[in-house]
C-alpha atoms as a PDB file:
ATOM      1  CA  MET A   1    -161.648  50.216 106.905  1.00  0.00           C
ATOM      2  CA  ASP A   2    -159.492  48.147 109.181  1.00  0.00           C
ATOM      3  CA  LEU A   3    -161.735  46.326 111.459  1.00  0.00           C
ATOM      4  CA  LYS A   4    -158.969  46.235 114.091  1.00  0.00           C
ATOM      5  CA  TRP A   5    -158.807  49.913 113.974  1.00  0.00           C
ATOM      6  CA  LYS A   6    -162.866  50.372 113.910  1.00  0.00           C
ATOM      7  CA  SER A   7    -163.069  48.272 116.826  1.00  0.00           C
ATOM      8  CA  ARG A   8    -160.424  49.965 119.081  1.00  0.00           C
ATOM      9  CA  GLY A   9    -161.334  53.379 117.527  1.00  0.00           C
ATOM     10  CA  SER A  10    -164.835  52.811 118.813  1.00  0.00           C
ATOM     11  CA  ILE A  11    -163.994  51.947 122.123  1.00  0.00           C
ATOM     12  CA  LEU A  12    -161.797  54.893 122.642  1.00  0.00           C
ATOM     13  CA  LEU A  13    -164.272  57.141 121.342  1.00  0.00           C
ATOM     14  CA  ALA A  14    -167.279  55.708 123.619  1.00  0.00           C
ATOM     15  CA  LYS A  15    -164.704  56.120 126.652  1.00  0.00           C
ATOM     16  CA  VAL A  16    -165.123  60.194 125.814  1.00  0.00           C
ATOM     17  CA  GLY A  17    -168.905  59.911 124.884  1.00  0.00           C
ATOM     18  CA  LEU A  18    -168.521  60.144 121.139  1.00  0.00           C
ATOM     19  CA  THR A  19    -169.641  57.884 118.044  1.00  0.00           C
ATOM     20  CA  ARG A  20    -167.851  57.203 115.048  1.00  0.00           C
ATOM     21  CA  GLY A  21    -170.684  59.317 113.342  1.00  0.00           C
ATOM     22  CA  GLN A  22    -169.833  62.247 115.638  1.00  0.00           C
ATOM     23  CA  LEU A  23    -166.267  62.186 115.142  1.00  0.00           C
ATOM     24  CA  VAL A  24    -166.742  62.134 111.426  1.00  0.00           C
ATOM     25  CA  ASN A  25    -169.038  65.280 111.703  1.00  0.00           C
ATOM     26  CA  MET A  26    -166.314  66.815 114.023  1.00  0.00           C
ATOM     27  CA  VAL A  27    -163.552  66.009 111.549  1.00  0.00           C
ATOM     28  CA  PHE A  28    -165.442  67.984 108.649  1.00  0.00           C
ATOM     29  CA  ALA A  29    -166.296  70.729 110.858  1.00  0.00           C
ATOM     30  CA  GLN A  30    -162.679  71.289 111.429  1.00  0.00           C
ATOM     31  CA  VAL A  31    -161.709  70.757 107.753  1.00  0.00           C
ATOM     32  CA  GLU A  32    -164.271  73.759 107.061  1.00  0.00           C
ATOM     33  CA  LEU A  33    -163.173  75.985 110.003  1.00  0.00           C
ATOM     34  CA  LYS A  34    -159.386  75.448 108.861  1.00  0.00           C
ATOM     35  CA  ASN A  35    -159.901  75.317 104.977  1.00  0.00           C
ATOM     36  CA  GLY A  36    -157.893  72.091 105.277  1.00  0.00           C
ATOM     37  CA  LEU A  37    -157.170  69.036 107.311  1.00  0.00           C
ATOM     38  CA  PRO A  38    -157.309  69.546 111.217  1.00  0.00           C
ATOM     39  CA  PHE A  39    -153.973  67.852 111.615  1.00  0.00           C
ATOM     40  CA  ALA A  40    -150.657  66.989 110.025  1.00  0.00           C
ATOM     41  CA  VAL A  41    -150.443  64.357 107.381  1.00  0.00           C
ATOM     42  CA  ASN A  42    -146.595  64.172 107.339  1.00  0.00           C
ATOM     43  CA  ALA A  43    -144.010  63.054 109.964  1.00  0.00           C
ATOM     44  CA  TYR A  44    -142.071  66.319 109.704  1.00  0.00           C
ATOM     45  CA  ALA A  45    -144.877  68.876 111.090  1.00  0.00           C
ATOM     46  CA  THR A  46    -143.922  70.613 114.245  1.00  0.00           C
ATOM     47  CA  ASP A  47    -147.149  72.569 115.499  1.00  0.00           C
ATOM     48  CA  ASP A  48    -149.563  70.327 115.280  1.00  0.00           C
ATOM     49  CA  GLY A  49    -149.431  69.138 119.219  1.00  0.00           C
ATOM     50  CA  TYR A  50    -149.094  65.460 118.075  1.00  0.00           C
ATOM     51  CA  LEU A  51    -145.807  64.911 116.994  1.00  0.00           C
ATOM     52  CA  PRO A  52    -142.342  65.614 118.355  1.00  0.00           C
ATOM     53  CA  HIS A  53    -141.060  69.081 117.766  1.00  0.00           C
ATOM     54  CA  VAL A  54    -137.847  69.004 116.160  1.00  0.00           C
ATOM     55  CA  PRO A  55    -135.884  72.242 117.103  1.00  0.00           C
ATOM     56  CA  ASN A  56    -134.146  74.217 114.626  1.00  0.00           C
ATOM     57  CA  ALA A  57    -130.521  75.414 115.020  1.00  0.00           C
ATOM     58  CA  GLU A  58    -131.532  78.881 116.835  1.00  0.00           C
ATOM     59  CA  THR A  59    -133.832  76.714 119.256  1.00  0.00           C
ATOM     60  CA  LEU A  60    -130.817  74.422 119.858  1.00  0.00           C
ATOM     61  CA  ALA A  61    -128.491  77.063 120.518  1.00  0.00           C
ATOM     62  CA  ALA A  62    -130.810  78.609 123.271  1.00  0.00           C
ATOM     63  CA  ILE A  63    -131.433  75.222 124.982  1.00  0.00           C
ATOM     64  CA  ARG A  64    -127.676  74.728 125.301  1.00  0.00           C
ATOM     65  CA  GLU A  65    -127.139  78.418 126.702  1.00  0.00           C
ATOM     66  CA  LYS A  66    -126.020  78.681 129.927  1.00  0.00           C
ATOM     67  CA  PRO A  67    -128.486  80.227 132.430  1.00  0.00           C
ATOM     68  CA  GLY A  68    -128.172  83.951 132.821  1.00  0.00           C
ATOM     69  CA  LYS A  69    -127.829  86.137 135.658  1.00  0.00           C
ATOM     70  CA  ARG A  70    -130.014  85.505 138.714  1.00  0.00           C
ATOM     71  CA  CYS A  71    -131.692  88.167 140.763  1.00  0.00           C
ATOM     72  CA  ARG A  72    -132.766  87.956 144.513  1.00  0.00           C
ATOM     73  CA  SER A  73    -135.923  89.883 144.197  1.00  0.00           C
ATOM     74  CA  PRO A  74    -138.241  91.148 141.552  1.00  0.00           C
ATOM     75  CA  LYS A  75    -136.981  94.826 142.613  1.00  0.00           C
ATOM     76  CA  ALA A  76    -133.149  93.864 141.650  1.00  0.00           C
ATOM     77  CA  PHE A  77    -134.567  92.151 138.616  1.00  0.00           C
ATOM     78  CA  LEU A  78    -136.331  95.534 137.372  1.00  0.00           C
ATOM     79  CA  ALA A  79    -133.547  97.474 138.628  1.00  0.00           C
ATOM     80  CA  ASP A  80    -131.006  95.270 136.212  1.00  0.00           C
ATOM     81  CA  LEU A  81    -133.192  95.938 133.227  1.00  0.00           C
ATOM     82  CA  LYS A  82    -132.684  99.709 133.399  1.00  0.00           C
ATOM     83  CA  PRO A  83    -129.927 101.071 131.155  1.00  0.00           C
END
């Protein structure tokens, strides 16, 4: 194990009240619960909460879409939904 990582990691863990051993236990518990690694291993994952999301074409189109009609009140909004 890289001693620099070990030292920095131990400092960060101590800030949240954990030891390296407790972290290892937590990770293995998550491995068992998820039946796999509790985090993404590649740089292309989009749903792990840690890496930036890379939007697909549909999401990009929705982002670029102009805002829809604005309603002045909830009542007007609901009336607008009726066919």
